[in-house]
């Protein structure tokens, strides 16, 4: 295991206000999507933290609670995060999908998302509650414009990335992405 990897909890919730309060109490990183499309989002906020006090997390987790392995690929701070929940293809085990995501997709992402200034994979180690999710990709950019208009670097990047994602993820079952801001507590 890479020395930069660490286990932490990830809570997904529809209640961004309560998530801020719990993040303030326990510390960690809070990702909140402030768009007015809340009813169409799989969740409104995600809190990641290292703690031995699980009760506040369980109380907050109206969508899901997971133990995740944080794998920083590009650990730089950024303004805007594209947060992509990942559900594996049904013909793959979690371990197979996660290995492809980590070993094959991460290098491709670095090559085809050159404007990305932050990239972290949160591989789900254990689902405590909520929908079956295999991971969360945190793709950071310096601006919303960069996320929307410079997500792909080359003319063929969209096709290359889309084809690779289809090798390990079920894009029809993977929840919709969030566009979030990150606050560290």
N, C-alpha and C. Protein backbone atom coordinates (compact mmCIF):
# COMPACT_ATOMS: atom_id res chain seq x y z
N UNK A 1 0.84 -1.18 0.00
CA UNK A 1 0.00 0.00 0.00
C UNK A 1 0.89 1.24 0.00
N UNK A 2 0.52 2.22 -0.78
CA UNK A 2 1.23 3.48 -0.88
C UNK A 2 1.19 4.21 0.47
N UNK A 3 2.28 4.81 0.88
CA UNK A 3 2.36 5.50 2.17
C UNK A 3 1.42 6.70 2.24
N UNK A 4 1.03 7.27 1.09
CA UNK A 4 0.12 8.42 1.07
C UNK A 4 -1.35 8.01 1.20
N UNK A 5 -1.64 6.72 1.08
CA UNK A 5 -3.02 6.25 1.20
C UNK A 5 -3.42 6.26 2.67
N UNK A 6 -4.71 6.52 2.92
CA UNK A 6 -5.20 6.40 4.29
C UNK A 6 -6.67 6.04 4.29
N UNK A 7 -7.09 5.36 5.35
CA UNK A 7 -8.49 5.00 5.51
C UNK A 7 -9.22 6.14 6.22
N UNK A 8 -10.42 6.40 5.76
CA UNK A 8 -11.26 7.41 6.41
C UNK A 8 -12.73 7.08 6.12
N UNK A 9 -13.61 7.79 6.78
CA UNK A 9 -15.04 7.65 6.53
C UNK A 9 -15.47 8.65 5.46
N UNK A 10 -16.44 8.26 4.66
CA UNK A 10 -17.09 9.17 3.71
C UNK A 10 -18.59 9.08 3.96
N UNK A 11 -19.21 10.23 4.21
CA UNK A 11 -20.64 10.32 4.46
C UNK A 11 -21.27 11.07 3.30
N UNK A 12 -22.31 10.50 2.69
CA UNK A 12 -23.06 11.22 1.68
C UNK A 12 -24.41 11.59 2.27
N UNK A 13 -24.83 12.83 2.02
CA UNK A 13 -26.03 13.34 2.66
C UNK A 13 -26.75 14.36 1.79
N UNK A 14 -28.03 14.50 2.01
CA UNK A 14 -28.80 15.54 1.34
C UNK A 14 -28.83 16.82 2.15
N UNK A 15 -28.30 16.82 3.36
CA UNK A 15 -28.37 17.95 4.28
C UNK A 15 -27.00 18.64 4.41
N UNK A 16 -26.75 19.60 3.51
CA UNK A 16 -25.46 20.30 3.50
C UNK A 16 -25.24 21.10 4.78
N UNK A 17 -26.30 21.66 5.34
CA UNK A 17 -26.17 22.46 6.56
C UNK A 17 -25.70 21.60 7.73
N UNK A 18 -26.33 20.45 7.93
CA UNK A 18 -25.89 19.54 9.00
C UNK A 18 -24.48 19.02 8.72
N UNK A 19 -24.17 18.79 7.45
CA UNK A 19 -22.83 18.31 7.10
C UNK A 19 -21.77 19.33 7.50
N UNK A 20 -22.08 20.63 7.32
CA UNK A 20 -21.13 21.68 7.74
C UNK A 20 -20.91 21.63 9.26
N UNK A 21 -21.98 21.44 9.99
CA UNK A 21 -21.87 21.39 11.45
C UNK A 21 -21.04 20.19 11.91
N UNK A 22 -21.28 19.03 11.31
CA UNK A 22 -20.53 17.83 11.68
C UNK A 22 -19.07 17.97 11.25
N UNK A 23 -18.83 18.55 10.08
CA UNK A 23 -17.46 18.77 9.62
C UNK A 23 -16.73 19.72 10.55
N UNK A 24 -17.42 20.74 11.01
CA UNK A 24 -16.81 21.69 11.95
C UNK A 24 -16.45 21.00 13.27
N UNK A 25 -17.31 20.08 13.69
CA UNK A 25 -17.08 19.35 14.95
C UNK A 25 -15.96 18.32 14.84
N UNK A 26 -15.95 17.55 13.74
CA UNK A 26 -15.02 16.42 13.61
C UNK A 26 -13.80 16.70 12.75
N UNK A 27 -13.84 17.76 11.95
CA UNK A 27 -12.76 18.02 11.02
C UNK A 27 -12.96 17.22 9.74
N UNK A 28 -12.00 17.34 8.84
CA UNK A 28 -12.07 16.63 7.58
C UNK A 28 -12.31 17.56 6.41
N UNK A 29 -12.76 16.98 5.30
CA UNK A 29 -13.06 17.74 4.09
C UNK A 29 -14.54 17.62 3.77
N UNK A 30 -15.14 18.74 3.41
CA UNK A 30 -16.55 18.77 3.06
C UNK A 30 -16.67 19.23 1.61
N UNK A 31 -17.41 18.47 0.83
CA UNK A 31 -17.67 18.77 -0.57
C UNK A 31 -19.16 19.03 -0.69
N UNK A 32 -19.54 20.24 -1.16
CA UNK A 32 -20.95 20.62 -1.24
C UNK A 32 -21.25 21.11 -2.64
N UNK A 33 -22.34 20.59 -3.21
CA UNK A 33 -22.86 21.06 -4.50
C UNK A 33 -23.96 22.07 -4.19
N UNK A 34 -23.74 23.32 -4.52
CA UNK A 34 -24.68 24.40 -4.19
C UNK A 34 -25.68 24.69 -5.31
N UNK A 35 -25.62 23.94 -6.40
CA UNK A 35 -26.55 24.22 -7.51
C UNK A 35 -27.99 23.99 -7.07
N UNK A 36 -28.91 24.61 -7.76
CA UNK A 36 -30.34 24.49 -7.46
C UNK A 36 -30.95 23.21 -7.99
N UNK A 37 -30.12 22.27 -8.43
CA UNK A 37 -30.60 21.01 -8.99
C UNK A 37 -30.63 19.91 -7.95
N UNK A 38 -30.76 20.28 -6.68
CA UNK A 38 -30.64 19.34 -5.57
C UNK A 38 -31.47 18.09 -5.69
N UNK A 39 -32.68 18.19 -6.20
CA UNK A 39 -33.55 17.02 -6.28
C UNK A 39 -33.05 16.01 -7.32
N UNK A 40 -32.23 16.46 -8.26
CA UNK A 40 -31.72 15.54 -9.29
C UNK A 40 -30.36 14.95 -8.93
N UNK A 41 -29.77 15.43 -7.84
CA UNK A 41 -28.45 14.96 -7.43
C UNK A 41 -28.57 13.71 -6.55
N UNK A 42 -27.58 12.82 -6.61
CA UNK A 42 -27.64 11.63 -5.75
C UNK A 42 -27.49 11.98 -4.27
N UNK A 43 -26.80 13.06 -3.98
CA UNK A 43 -26.65 13.60 -2.63
C UNK A 43 -26.18 15.04 -2.79
N UNK A 44 -26.27 15.82 -1.74
CA UNK A 44 -25.92 17.24 -1.81
C UNK A 44 -24.51 17.51 -1.31
N UNK A 45 -24.06 16.68 -0.37
CA UNK A 45 -22.76 16.91 0.25
C UNK A 45 -22.10 15.59 0.62
N UNK A 46 -20.77 15.63 0.66
CA UNK A 46 -20.00 14.48 1.14
C UNK A 46 -18.95 15.01 2.10
N UNK A 47 -18.89 14.37 3.26
CA UNK A 47 -17.89 14.67 4.28
C UNK A 47 -16.93 13.50 4.36
N UNK A 48 -15.63 13.76 4.31
CA UNK A 48 -14.63 12.73 4.54
C UNK A 48 -13.84 13.12 5.77
N UNK A 49 -13.63 12.15 6.66
CA UNK A 49 -12.93 12.45 7.91
C UNK A 49 -12.33 11.19 8.51
N UNK A 50 -11.34 11.39 9.34
CA UNK A 50 -10.76 10.32 10.15
C UNK A 50 -11.22 10.57 11.58
N UNK A 51 -11.92 9.62 12.16
CA UNK A 51 -12.45 9.78 13.50
C UNK A 51 -12.74 8.41 14.11
N UNK A 52 -12.84 8.39 15.45
CA UNK A 52 -13.32 7.19 16.14
C UNK A 52 -14.73 7.42 16.69
N UNK A 53 -15.34 8.54 16.34
CA UNK A 53 -16.68 8.89 16.78
C UNK A 53 -17.64 8.76 15.60
N UNK A 54 -18.17 7.57 15.40
CA UNK A 54 -18.98 7.28 14.23
C UNK A 54 -20.43 7.74 14.37
N UNK A 55 -20.90 7.93 15.60
CA UNK A 55 -22.31 8.29 15.82
C UNK A 55 -22.75 9.53 15.05
N UNK A 56 -22.00 10.66 15.08
CA UNK A 56 -22.46 11.82 14.31
C UNK A 56 -22.48 11.54 12.80
N UNK A 57 -21.57 10.70 12.34
CA UNK A 57 -21.52 10.35 10.92
C UNK A 57 -22.75 9.52 10.53
N UNK A 58 -23.06 8.54 11.35
CA UNK A 58 -24.22 7.68 11.07
C UNK A 58 -25.51 8.50 11.10
N UNK A 59 -25.61 9.46 12.02
CA UNK A 59 -26.80 10.30 12.10
C UNK A 59 -26.93 11.21 10.88
N UNK A 60 -25.80 11.63 10.31
CA UNK A 60 -25.79 12.50 9.13
C UNK A 60 -26.05 11.74 7.84
N UNK A 61 -25.72 10.46 7.82
CA UNK A 61 -25.68 9.66 6.58
C UNK A 61 -27.07 9.25 6.10
N UNK A 62 -27.88 10.22 5.68
CA UNK A 62 -29.21 9.88 5.16
C UNK A 62 -29.13 9.27 3.76
N UNK A 63 -27.97 9.38 3.11
CA UNK A 63 -27.78 8.73 1.81
C UNK A 63 -26.84 7.54 1.95
N UNK A 64 -25.65 7.73 2.54
CA UNK A 64 -24.74 6.61 2.68
C UNK A 64 -23.57 6.89 3.60
N UNK A 65 -22.98 5.81 4.10
CA UNK A 65 -21.80 5.88 4.97
C UNK A 65 -20.84 4.78 4.53
N UNK A 66 -19.60 5.17 4.27
CA UNK A 66 -18.62 4.25 3.70
C UNK A 66 -17.27 4.41 4.41
N UNK A 67 -16.49 3.34 4.44
CA UNK A 67 -15.08 3.42 4.77
C UNK A 67 -14.36 3.45 3.43
N UNK A 68 -13.51 4.45 3.23
CA UNK A 68 -12.83 4.60 1.94
C UNK A 68 -11.33 4.67 2.14
N UNK A 69 -10.62 4.30 1.09
CA UNK A 69 -9.17 4.49 1.05
C UNK A 69 -8.91 5.71 0.18
N UNK A 70 -8.38 6.76 0.78
CA UNK A 70 -8.05 7.98 0.05
C UNK A 70 -6.73 7.76 -0.68
N UNK A 71 -6.77 7.89 -2.00
CA UNK A 71 -5.58 7.75 -2.84
C UNK A 71 -5.33 9.06 -3.57
N UNK A 72 -4.48 9.92 -3.04
CA UNK A 72 -4.19 11.18 -3.73
C UNK A 72 -3.28 10.94 -4.94
N UNK A 73 -3.75 11.36 -6.09
CA UNK A 73 -2.96 11.24 -7.32
C UNK A 73 -2.29 12.59 -7.60
N UNK A 74 -3.08 13.67 -7.58
CA UNK A 74 -2.58 15.04 -7.60
C UNK A 74 -3.16 15.71 -6.35
N UNK A 75 -2.37 15.88 -5.29
CA UNK A 75 -2.92 16.35 -4.02
C UNK A 75 -3.03 17.87 -3.86
N UNK A 76 -2.96 18.62 -4.92
CA UNK A 76 -2.99 20.08 -4.86
C UNK A 76 -4.38 20.61 -4.53
N UNK A 77 -4.47 21.73 -3.83
CA UNK A 77 -5.75 22.39 -3.56
C UNK A 77 -6.33 22.95 -4.86
N UNK A 78 -7.65 23.07 -4.91
CA UNK A 78 -8.29 23.61 -6.10
C UNK A 78 -9.61 24.27 -5.70
N UNK A 79 -10.23 24.96 -6.65
CA UNK A 79 -11.46 25.70 -6.38
C UNK A 79 -12.72 24.87 -6.58
N UNK A 80 -12.72 24.05 -7.61
CA UNK A 80 -13.94 23.34 -8.00
C UNK A 80 -13.63 21.85 -8.15
N UNK A 81 -14.53 21.02 -7.61
CA UNK A 81 -14.36 19.56 -7.68
C UNK A 81 -15.51 18.95 -8.48
N UNK A 82 -15.17 18.17 -9.48
CA UNK A 82 -16.15 17.28 -10.10
C UNK A 82 -16.11 15.99 -9.30
N UNK A 83 -17.20 15.67 -8.62
CA UNK A 83 -17.25 14.50 -7.73
C UNK A 83 -18.07 13.42 -8.44
N UNK A 84 -17.42 12.34 -8.82
CA UNK A 84 -18.03 11.29 -9.63
C UNK A 84 -18.18 10.01 -8.81
N UNK A 85 -19.40 9.65 -8.38
CA UNK A 85 -19.61 8.34 -7.75
C UNK A 85 -19.45 7.24 -8.81
N UNK A 86 -18.87 6.12 -8.40
CA UNK A 86 -18.56 5.04 -9.33
C UNK A 86 -19.20 3.74 -8.87
N UNK A 87 -19.91 3.10 -9.79
CA UNK A 87 -20.43 1.75 -9.58
C UNK A 87 -19.77 0.86 -10.62
N UNK A 88 -19.21 -0.24 -10.18
CA UNK A 88 -18.47 -1.13 -11.08
C UNK A 88 -19.40 -1.86 -12.05
N UNK A 89 -18.82 -2.36 -13.12
CA UNK A 89 -19.57 -3.23 -14.04
C UNK A 89 -19.97 -4.50 -13.30
N UNK A 90 -21.16 -5.04 -13.57
CA UNK A 90 -21.62 -6.22 -12.84
C UNK A 90 -20.79 -7.48 -13.09
N UNK A 91 -20.06 -7.54 -14.19
CA UNK A 91 -19.25 -8.72 -14.48
C UNK A 91 -17.86 -8.66 -13.83
N UNK A 92 -17.58 -7.58 -13.10
CA UNK A 92 -16.29 -7.44 -12.41
C UNK A 92 -16.49 -7.47 -10.91
N UNK A 93 -15.50 -7.97 -10.20
CA UNK A 93 -15.52 -7.86 -8.74
C UNK A 93 -15.10 -6.44 -8.38
N UNK A 94 -15.36 -6.07 -7.14
CA UNK A 94 -14.92 -4.76 -6.67
C UNK A 94 -13.41 -4.64 -6.83
N UNK A 95 -12.69 -5.67 -6.45
CA UNK A 95 -11.22 -5.66 -6.52
C UNK A 95 -10.74 -5.47 -7.97
N UNK A 96 -11.37 -6.14 -8.93
CA UNK A 96 -10.97 -6.00 -10.34
C UNK A 96 -11.22 -4.58 -10.85
N UNK A 97 -12.41 -4.05 -10.57
CA UNK A 97 -12.75 -2.71 -11.03
C UNK A 97 -11.84 -1.67 -10.38
N UNK A 98 -11.59 -1.82 -9.08
CA UNK A 98 -10.76 -0.88 -8.36
C UNK A 98 -9.32 -0.92 -8.87
N UNK A 99 -8.81 -2.10 -9.16
CA UNK A 99 -7.44 -2.22 -9.68
C UNK A 99 -7.32 -1.52 -11.04
N UNK A 100 -8.32 -1.70 -11.90
CA UNK A 100 -8.28 -1.03 -13.21
C UNK A 100 -8.33 0.48 -13.02
N UNK A 101 -9.24 0.94 -12.15
CA UNK A 101 -9.38 2.37 -11.89
C UNK A 101 -8.06 2.96 -11.40
N UNK A 102 -7.42 2.27 -10.48
CA UNK A 102 -6.18 2.76 -9.86
C UNK A 102 -4.99 2.64 -10.82
N UNK A 103 -4.83 1.49 -11.46
CA UNK A 103 -3.60 1.20 -12.21
C UNK A 103 -3.65 1.61 -13.67
N UNK A 104 -4.83 1.59 -14.29
CA UNK A 104 -4.95 1.91 -15.72
C UNK A 104 -5.58 3.29 -15.92
N UNK A 105 -6.72 3.52 -15.24
CA UNK A 105 -7.45 4.76 -15.50
C UNK A 105 -6.72 6.00 -14.95
N UNK A 106 -6.13 5.91 -13.78
CA UNK A 106 -5.46 7.08 -13.20
C UNK A 106 -4.39 7.65 -14.14
N UNK A 107 -3.49 6.83 -14.70
CA UNK A 107 -2.51 7.40 -15.63
C UNK A 107 -3.16 8.00 -16.88
N UNK A 108 -4.24 7.36 -17.37
CA UNK A 108 -4.96 7.93 -18.53
C UNK A 108 -5.58 9.28 -18.17
N UNK A 109 -6.15 9.36 -16.98
CA UNK A 109 -6.76 10.62 -16.54
C UNK A 109 -5.73 11.74 -16.51
N UNK A 110 -4.55 11.45 -16.02
CA UNK A 110 -3.50 12.46 -15.98
C UNK A 110 -3.11 12.92 -17.38
N UNK A 111 -3.13 12.02 -18.32
CA UNK A 111 -2.76 12.32 -19.70
C UNK A 111 -3.85 13.11 -20.42
N UNK A 112 -5.12 12.79 -20.16
CA UNK A 112 -6.23 13.36 -20.94
C UNK A 112 -7.01 14.46 -20.22
N UNK A 113 -6.65 14.74 -18.97
CA UNK A 113 -7.26 15.84 -18.21
C UNK A 113 -6.14 16.76 -17.71
N UNK A 114 -5.40 17.34 -18.62
CA UNK A 114 -4.22 18.12 -18.23
C UNK A 114 -4.55 19.41 -17.48
N UNK A 115 -5.77 19.90 -17.58
CA UNK A 115 -6.16 21.09 -16.82
C UNK A 115 -6.61 20.74 -15.41
N UNK A 116 -6.70 19.44 -15.12
CA UNK A 116 -7.09 19.00 -13.79
C UNK A 116 -5.94 19.32 -12.83
N UNK A 117 -6.26 20.02 -11.74
CA UNK A 117 -5.23 20.43 -10.80
C UNK A 117 -5.25 19.62 -9.51
N UNK A 118 -6.25 18.77 -9.36
CA UNK A 118 -6.38 17.91 -8.18
C UNK A 118 -7.06 16.62 -8.65
N UNK A 119 -6.55 15.48 -8.18
CA UNK A 119 -7.19 14.21 -8.50
C UNK A 119 -6.99 13.26 -7.32
N UNK A 120 -8.08 12.82 -6.76
CA UNK A 120 -8.05 11.85 -5.66
C UNK A 120 -9.09 10.78 -5.94
N UNK A 121 -8.71 9.55 -5.69
CA UNK A 121 -9.65 8.43 -5.74
C UNK A 121 -9.99 8.02 -4.32
N UNK A 122 -11.29 7.91 -4.04
CA UNK A 122 -11.74 7.37 -2.76
C UNK A 122 -12.31 5.99 -3.07
N UNK A 123 -11.50 4.97 -2.90
CA UNK A 123 -11.94 3.60 -3.14
C UNK A 123 -12.71 3.08 -1.94
N UNK A 124 -13.94 2.63 -2.16
CA UNK A 124 -14.75 2.13 -1.05
C UNK A 124 -14.18 0.80 -0.58
N UNK A 125 -13.88 0.73 0.71
CA UNK A 125 -13.37 -0.48 1.34
C UNK A 125 -14.52 -1.24 1.99
N UNK A 126 -15.47 -0.49 2.55
CA UNK A 126 -16.63 -1.10 3.22
C UNK A 126 -17.82 -0.17 3.12
N UNK A 127 -18.95 -0.70 2.67
CA UNK A 127 -20.20 0.07 2.69
C UNK A 127 -20.88 -0.23 4.01
N UNK A 128 -21.12 0.81 4.81
CA UNK A 128 -21.82 0.64 6.08
C UNK A 128 -23.32 0.80 5.87
N UNK A 129 -23.71 1.80 5.07
CA UNK A 129 -25.11 1.99 4.71
C UNK A 129 -25.16 2.72 3.38
N UNK A 130 -26.32 2.66 2.74
CA UNK A 130 -26.51 3.39 1.49
C UNK A 130 -26.34 2.53 0.26
N UNK A 131 -26.42 3.17 -0.89
CA UNK A 131 -26.32 2.44 -2.16
C UNK A 131 -24.93 1.83 -2.35
N UNK A 132 -24.89 0.78 -3.13
CA UNK A 132 -23.59 0.16 -3.43
C UNK A 132 -22.81 1.07 -4.37
N UNK A 133 -21.75 1.63 -3.82
CA UNK A 133 -20.83 2.49 -4.56
C UNK A 133 -19.46 1.87 -4.40
N UNK A 134 -18.68 1.87 -5.48
CA UNK A 134 -17.34 1.31 -5.44
C UNK A 134 -16.26 2.36 -5.24
N UNK A 135 -16.60 3.61 -5.47
CA UNK A 135 -15.62 4.66 -5.28
C UNK A 135 -16.17 6.03 -5.64
N UNK A 136 -15.38 7.03 -5.32
CA UNK A 136 -15.70 8.41 -5.64
C UNK A 136 -14.45 9.04 -6.24
N UNK A 137 -14.56 9.58 -7.44
CA UNK A 137 -13.44 10.29 -8.06
C UNK A 137 -13.61 11.77 -7.77
N UNK A 138 -12.55 12.40 -7.29
CA UNK A 138 -12.55 13.83 -7.01
C UNK A 138 -11.62 14.49 -8.02
N UNK A 139 -12.20 15.12 -9.03
CA UNK A 139 -11.44 15.74 -10.12
C UNK A 139 -11.51 17.25 -9.94
N UNK A 140 -10.40 17.87 -9.56
CA UNK A 140 -10.39 19.29 -9.23
C UNK A 140 -9.82 20.17 -10.33
N UNK A 141 -10.39 21.38 -10.40
CA UNK A 141 -9.98 22.37 -11.39
C UNK A 141 -9.90 23.73 -10.73
N UNK A 142 -9.14 24.64 -11.33
CA UNK A 142 -8.98 25.97 -10.76
C UNK A 142 -10.22 26.84 -10.92
N UNK A 143 -11.11 26.47 -11.85
CA UNK A 143 -12.32 27.26 -12.05
C UNK A 143 -13.43 26.37 -12.61
N UNK A 144 -14.65 26.84 -12.47
CA UNK A 144 -15.79 26.14 -13.06
C UNK A 144 -15.67 26.12 -14.57
N UNK A 145 -15.15 27.19 -15.14
CA UNK A 145 -14.94 27.24 -16.59
C UNK A 145 -13.97 26.14 -17.03
N UNK A 146 -12.89 25.93 -16.27
CA UNK A 146 -11.95 24.85 -16.61
C UNK A 146 -12.63 23.49 -16.55
N UNK A 147 -13.44 23.27 -15.51
CA UNK A 147 -14.15 22.00 -15.38
C UNK A 147 -15.09 21.78 -16.56
N UNK A 148 -15.84 22.79 -16.91
CA UNK A 148 -16.84 22.66 -17.98
C UNK A 148 -16.24 22.65 -19.37
N UNK A 149 -15.21 23.46 -19.61
CA UNK A 149 -14.73 23.67 -20.98
C UNK A 149 -13.34 23.13 -21.27
N UNK A 150 -12.61 22.72 -20.23
CA UNK A 150 -11.26 22.18 -20.43
C UNK A 150 -11.08 20.84 -19.71
N UNK A 151 -12.18 20.13 -19.53
CA UNK A 151 -12.12 18.85 -18.84
C UNK A 151 -11.24 17.87 -19.62
N UNK A 152 -11.36 17.88 -20.95
CA UNK A 152 -10.57 17.01 -21.80
C UNK A 152 -9.50 17.83 -22.52
N UNK A 153 -8.29 17.25 -22.63
CA UNK A 153 -7.14 17.99 -23.16
C UNK A 153 -6.99 17.90 -24.67
N UNK A 154 -7.22 16.75 -25.23
CA UNK A 154 -6.98 16.51 -26.65
C UNK A 154 -8.30 16.25 -27.38
N UNK A 155 -8.26 16.29 -28.69
CA UNK A 155 -9.49 16.08 -29.46
C UNK A 155 -10.06 14.67 -29.26
N UNK A 156 -9.21 13.70 -28.99
CA UNK A 156 -9.69 12.33 -28.78
C UNK A 156 -9.84 11.95 -27.30
N UNK A 157 -9.58 12.89 -26.40
CA UNK A 157 -9.58 12.57 -24.97
C UNK A 157 -10.93 12.07 -24.46
N UNK A 158 -12.02 12.69 -24.89
CA UNK A 158 -13.35 12.25 -24.44
C UNK A 158 -13.57 10.78 -24.82
N UNK A 159 -13.24 10.42 -26.04
CA UNK A 159 -13.44 9.04 -26.49
C UNK A 159 -12.55 8.06 -25.73
N UNK A 160 -11.31 8.43 -25.51
CA UNK A 160 -10.37 7.55 -24.80
C UNK A 160 -10.84 7.33 -23.36
N UNK A 161 -11.19 8.40 -22.66
CA UNK A 161 -11.61 8.30 -21.26
C UNK A 161 -12.95 7.56 -21.16
N UNK A 162 -13.89 7.89 -22.02
CA UNK A 162 -15.20 7.22 -22.00
C UNK A 162 -15.04 5.72 -22.25
N UNK A 163 -14.22 5.34 -23.20
CA UNK A 163 -14.01 3.92 -23.49
C UNK A 163 -13.35 3.22 -22.31
N UNK A 164 -12.40 3.88 -21.66
CA UNK A 164 -11.74 3.24 -20.52
C UNK A 164 -12.69 3.12 -19.34
N UNK A 165 -13.46 4.13 -19.05
CA UNK A 165 -14.43 4.05 -17.95
C UNK A 165 -15.37 2.87 -18.16
N UNK A 166 -15.79 2.65 -19.39
CA UNK A 166 -16.69 1.52 -19.70
C UNK A 166 -16.03 0.17 -19.44
N UNK A 167 -14.72 0.11 -19.32
CA UNK A 167 -14.03 -1.15 -19.03
C UNK A 167 -14.15 -1.57 -17.57
N UNK A 168 -14.45 -0.59 -16.66
CA UNK A 168 -14.52 -0.95 -15.24
C UNK A 168 -15.77 -0.42 -14.53
N UNK A 169 -16.46 0.56 -15.10
CA UNK A 169 -17.61 1.17 -14.44
C UNK A 169 -18.89 0.95 -15.23
N UNK A 170 -19.99 0.85 -14.52
CA UNK A 170 -21.31 0.78 -15.13
C UNK A 170 -21.86 2.20 -15.15
N UNK A 171 -21.75 2.85 -16.29
CA UNK A 171 -22.12 4.27 -16.37
C UNK A 171 -23.63 4.49 -16.25
N UNK A 172 -24.44 3.48 -16.49
CA UNK A 172 -25.88 3.65 -16.32
C UNK A 172 -26.29 3.56 -14.86
N UNK A 173 -25.54 2.82 -14.06
CA UNK A 173 -25.86 2.69 -12.63
C UNK A 173 -25.07 3.65 -11.75
N UNK A 174 -24.02 4.23 -12.27
CA UNK A 174 -23.24 5.19 -11.49
C UNK A 174 -24.05 6.47 -11.36
N UNK A 175 -24.18 6.99 -10.13
CA UNK A 175 -24.97 8.20 -9.93
C UNK A 175 -24.38 9.41 -10.66
N UNK A 176 -25.22 10.39 -10.85
CA UNK A 176 -24.85 11.63 -11.50
C UNK A 176 -23.73 12.33 -10.71
N UNK A 177 -22.86 13.02 -11.43
CA UNK A 177 -21.76 13.74 -10.77
C UNK A 177 -22.26 14.98 -10.04
N UNK A 178 -21.48 15.40 -9.07
CA UNK A 178 -21.70 16.66 -8.38
C UNK A 178 -20.63 17.64 -8.82
N UNK A 179 -20.96 18.91 -8.79
CA UNK A 179 -19.98 19.96 -8.98
C UNK A 179 -19.90 20.68 -7.64
N UNK A 180 -18.81 20.46 -6.93
CA UNK A 180 -18.75 20.87 -5.54
C UNK A 180 -17.60 21.83 -5.26
N UNK A 181 -17.75 22.55 -4.18
CA UNK A 181 -16.64 23.30 -3.61
C UNK A 181 -16.17 22.50 -2.39
N UNK A 182 -14.90 22.61 -2.10
CA UNK A 182 -14.31 21.87 -0.99
C UNK A 182 -13.93 22.83 0.12
N UNK A 183 -14.26 22.44 1.35
CA UNK A 183 -13.83 23.19 2.53
C UNK A 183 -13.14 22.21 3.46
N UNK A 184 -11.95 22.55 3.92
CA UNK A 184 -11.24 21.72 4.90
C UNK A 184 -11.47 22.29 6.29
N UNK A 185 -11.76 21.40 7.20
CA UNK A 185 -11.99 21.81 8.60
C UNK A 185 -10.89 21.26 9.48
